[in-house]
């Protein structure tokens, strides 16, 4: 059950995404080339890094560019999105599948 390079286990359910989406900050200006990665795709890529333990540069190509995912992670980290998700209980152990949280040093 592969979706490109992404195993479907890393997909966010529609129900969970609706909860997360409410916590996202207003959209910041576009990135350098005038486009912006889809929020849900960015969150799935971020959670992939947390769950798999890979480095940011190890993100499968089908999930987006490492720079775009990293920039979105920083944006949401600074906005408190992950803390809000944790407090709200959205990221439960079952959904995390023993996720490992990394900081900036795991770049």
C-alpha atoms as a PDB file:
ATOM      1  CA  UNK A   1       0.000   0.000   0.000  1.00  0.00           C
ATOM      2  CA  UNK A   2       2.333   2.680  -1.214  1.00  0.00           C
ATOM      3  CA  UNK A   3       1.336   6.104  -2.446  1.00  0.00           C
ATOM      4  CA  UNK A   4       4.440   7.027  -4.414  1.00  0.00           C
ATOM      5  CA  UNK A   5       7.217   6.810  -1.851  1.00  0.00           C
ATOM      6  CA  UNK A   6       4.800   7.425   1.017  1.00  0.00           C
ATOM      7  CA  UNK A   7       3.319   4.519   2.918  1.00  0.00           C
ATOM      8  CA  UNK A   8      -0.358   5.204   3.623  1.00  0.00           C
ATOM      9  CA  UNK A   9       0.375   4.784   7.344  1.00  0.00           C
ATOM     10  CA  UNK A  10       1.768   8.334   7.269  1.00  0.00           C
ATOM     11  CA  UNK A  11      -1.432   9.885   5.918  1.00  0.00           C
ATOM     12  CA  UNK A  12      -3.488  12.043   8.287  1.00  0.00           C
ATOM     13  CA  UNK A  13      -7.132  11.010   8.591  1.00  0.00           C
ATOM     14  CA  UNK A  14      -9.763  13.518   7.467  1.00  0.00           C
ATOM     15  CA  UNK A  15     -11.126  13.691  11.023  1.00  0.00           C
ATOM     16  CA  UNK A  16      -7.722  14.459  12.516  1.00  0.00           C
ATOM     17  CA  UNK A  17      -6.893  16.947   9.756  1.00  0.00           C
ATOM     18  CA  UNK A  18     -10.071  18.959  10.478  1.00  0.00           C
ATOM     19  CA  UNK A  19      -8.922  19.369  14.093  1.00  0.00           C
ATOM     20  CA  UNK A  20      -5.355  20.288  13.127  1.00  0.00           C
ATOM     21  CA  UNK A  21      -6.462  22.734  10.437  1.00  0.00           C
ATOM     22  CA  UNK A  22      -8.298  24.834  13.036  1.00  0.00           C
ATOM     23  CA  UNK A  23      -5.012  25.352  14.902  1.00  0.00           C
ATOM     24  CA  UNK A  24      -2.935  26.553  11.963  1.00  0.00           C
ATOM     25  CA  UNK A  25      -1.939  30.219  11.911  1.00  0.00           C
ATOM     26  CA  UNK A  26      -2.984  32.538   9.101  1.00  0.00           C
ATOM     27  CA  UNK A  27      -1.130  31.870   5.865  1.00  0.00           C
ATOM     28  CA  UNK A  28       2.245  33.585   5.679  1.00  0.00           C
ATOM     29  CA  UNK A  29       3.585  35.069   2.445  1.00  0.00           C
ATOM     30  CA  UNK A  30       4.478  32.655  -0.338  1.00  0.00           C
ATOM     31  CA  UNK A  31       7.909  31.042  -0.459  1.00  0.00           C
ATOM     32  CA  UNK A  32      10.762  32.158  -2.690  1.00  0.00           C
ATOM     33  CA  UNK A  33       9.302  30.912  -5.970  1.00  0.00           C
ATOM     34  CA  UNK A  34       5.793  32.237  -5.332  1.00  0.00           C
ATOM     35  CA  UNK A  35       4.141  28.958  -4.394  1.00  0.00           C
ATOM     36  CA  UNK A  36       3.153  27.444  -1.069  1.00  0.00           C
ATOM     37  CA  UNK A  37       3.134  23.783  -0.192  1.00  0.00           C
ATOM     38  CA  UNK A  38      -0.274  22.377   0.715  1.00  0.00           C
ATOM     39  CA  UNK A  39      -0.726  22.499   4.513  1.00  0.00           C
ATOM     40  CA  UNK A  40      -1.896  18.911   4.859  1.00  0.00           C
ATOM     41  CA  UNK A  41       0.955  17.589   2.712  1.00  0.00           C
ATOM     42  CA  UNK A  42       3.411  19.625   4.797  1.00  0.00           C
ATOM     43  CA  UNK A  43       2.008  18.242   8.058  1.00  0.00           C
ATOM     44  CA  UNK A  44       2.186  14.675   6.739  1.00  0.00           C
ATOM     45  CA  UNK A  45       5.826  15.219   5.766  1.00  0.00           C
ATOM     46  CA  UNK A  46       6.633  16.697   9.190  1.00  0.00           C
ATOM     47  CA  UNK A  47       4.970  13.781  10.956  1.00  0.00           C
ATOM     48  CA  UNK A  48       6.859  11.407   8.655  1.00  0.00           C
ATOM     49  CA  UNK A  49      10.135  12.877   9.917  1.00  0.00           C
ATOM     50  CA  UNK A  50       8.978  12.575  13.537  1.00  0.00           C
ATOM     51  CA  UNK A  51       7.730   9.010  13.101  1.00  0.00           C
ATOM     52  CA  UNK A  52      10.495   7.610  10.930  1.00  0.00           C
ATOM     53  CA  UNK A  53      13.416   9.356  12.591  1.00  0.00           C
ATOM     54  CA  UNK A  54      14.863  10.364   9.229  1.00  0.00           C
ATOM     55  CA  UNK A  55      16.666  13.653   8.783  1.00  0.00           C
ATOM     56  CA  UNK A  56      14.823  16.490   7.036  1.00  0.00           C
ATOM     57  CA  UNK A  57      16.882  15.928   3.903  1.00  0.00           C
ATOM     58  CA  UNK A  58      15.752  12.272   3.923  1.00  0.00           C
ATOM     59  CA  UNK A  59      12.101  13.115   3.236  1.00  0.00           C
ATOM     60  CA  UNK A  60      10.837  11.133   0.219  1.00  0.00           C
ATOM     61  CA  UNK A  61      10.630  13.288  -2.888  1.00  0.00           C
ATOM     62  CA  UNK A  62       6.888  12.583  -3.188  1.00  0.00           C
ATOM     63  CA  UNK A  63       6.323  14.433   0.108  1.00  0.00           C
ATOM     64  CA  UNK A  64       7.863  17.736  -0.961  1.00  0.00           C
ATOM     65  CA  UNK A  65      11.234  19.395  -0.779  1.00  0.00           C
ATOM     66  CA  UNK A  66      13.121  19.240   2.505  1.00  0.00           C
ATOM     67  CA  UNK A  67      13.497  23.045   2.531  1.00  0.00           C
ATOM     68  CA  UNK A  68       9.756  23.644   2.093  1.00  0.00           C
ATOM     69  CA  UNK A  69       8.871  21.120   4.805  1.00  0.00           C
ATOM     70  CA  UNK A  70      11.506  22.512   7.185  1.00  0.00           C
ATOM     71  CA  UNK A  71      10.293  26.081   6.642  1.00  0.00           C
ATOM     72  CA  UNK A  72       6.714  25.063   7.394  1.00  0.00           C
ATOM     73  CA  UNK A  73       7.856  23.158  10.496  1.00  0.00           C
ATOM     74  CA  UNK A  74       9.642  26.259  11.783  1.00  0.00           C
ATOM     75  CA  UNK A  75       6.634  28.473  10.991  1.00  0.00           C
ATOM     76  CA  UNK A  76       4.267  26.185  12.866  1.00  0.00           C
ATOM     77  CA  UNK A  77       6.703  25.560  15.711  1.00  0.00           C
ATOM     78  CA  UNK A  78       7.105  29.306  16.272  1.00  0.00           C
ATOM     79  CA  UNK A  79       3.319  29.747  16.119  1.00  0.00           C
ATOM     80  CA  UNK A  80       2.795  27.076  18.799  1.00  0.00           C
ATOM     81  CA  UNK A  81       0.851  24.696  16.531  1.00  0.00           C
ATOM     82  CA  UNK A  82       2.531  21.530  17.821  1.00  0.00           C
ATOM     83  CA  UNK A  83       2.076  22.552  21.441  1.00  0.00           C
ATOM     84  CA  UNK A  84      -1.622  23.239  20.768  1.00  0.00           C
ATOM     85  CA  UNK A  85      -1.984  19.867  19.068  1.00  0.00           C
ATOM     86  CA  UNK A  86      -0.381  18.121  22.007  1.00  0.00           C
ATOM     87  CA  UNK A  87      -2.521  19.948  24.560  1.00  0.00           C
ATOM     88  CA  UNK A  88      -5.671  19.219  22.550  1.00  0.00           C
ATOM     89  CA  UNK A  89      -4.781  15.541  22.569  1.00  0.00           C
ATOM     90  CA  UNK A  90      -4.783  15.274  18.802  1.00  0.00           C
ATOM     91  CA  UNK A  91      -1.433  13.553  18.779  1.00  0.00           C
ATOM     92  CA  UNK A  92      -2.207  10.438  20.776  1.00  0.00           C
ATOM     93  CA  UNK A  93       0.207   7.576  21.193  1.00  0.00           C
ATOM     94  CA  UNK A  94      -1.756   5.372  18.779  1.00  0.00           C
ATOM     95  CA  UNK A  95      -1.682   8.042  16.070  1.00  0.00           C
ATOM     96  CA  UNK A  96       1.965   8.788  16.713  1.00  0.00           C
ATOM     97  CA  UNK A  97       3.025   5.160  16.522  1.00  0.00           C
ATOM     98  CA  UNK A  98       5.764   5.869  19.055  1.00  0.00           C
ATOM     99  CA  UNK A  99       6.759   9.112  17.362  1.00  0.00           C
ATOM    100  CA  UNK A 100      10.124  10.558  18.295  1.00  0.00           C
ATOM    101  CA  UNK A 101      10.142  14.355  18.640  1.00  0.00           C
ATOM    102  CA  UNK A 102      13.216  16.049  17.220  1.00  0.00           C
ATOM    103  CA  UNK A 103      14.553  19.522  17.548  1.00  0.00           C
ATOM    104  CA  UNK A 104      16.554  21.753  15.230  1.00  0.00           C
ATOM    105  CA  UNK A 105      19.705  19.703  15.769  1.00  0.00           C
ATOM    106  CA  UNK A 106      18.286  16.812  13.720  1.00  0.00           C
ATOM    107  CA  UNK A 107      18.585  18.726  10.469  1.00  0.00           C
END
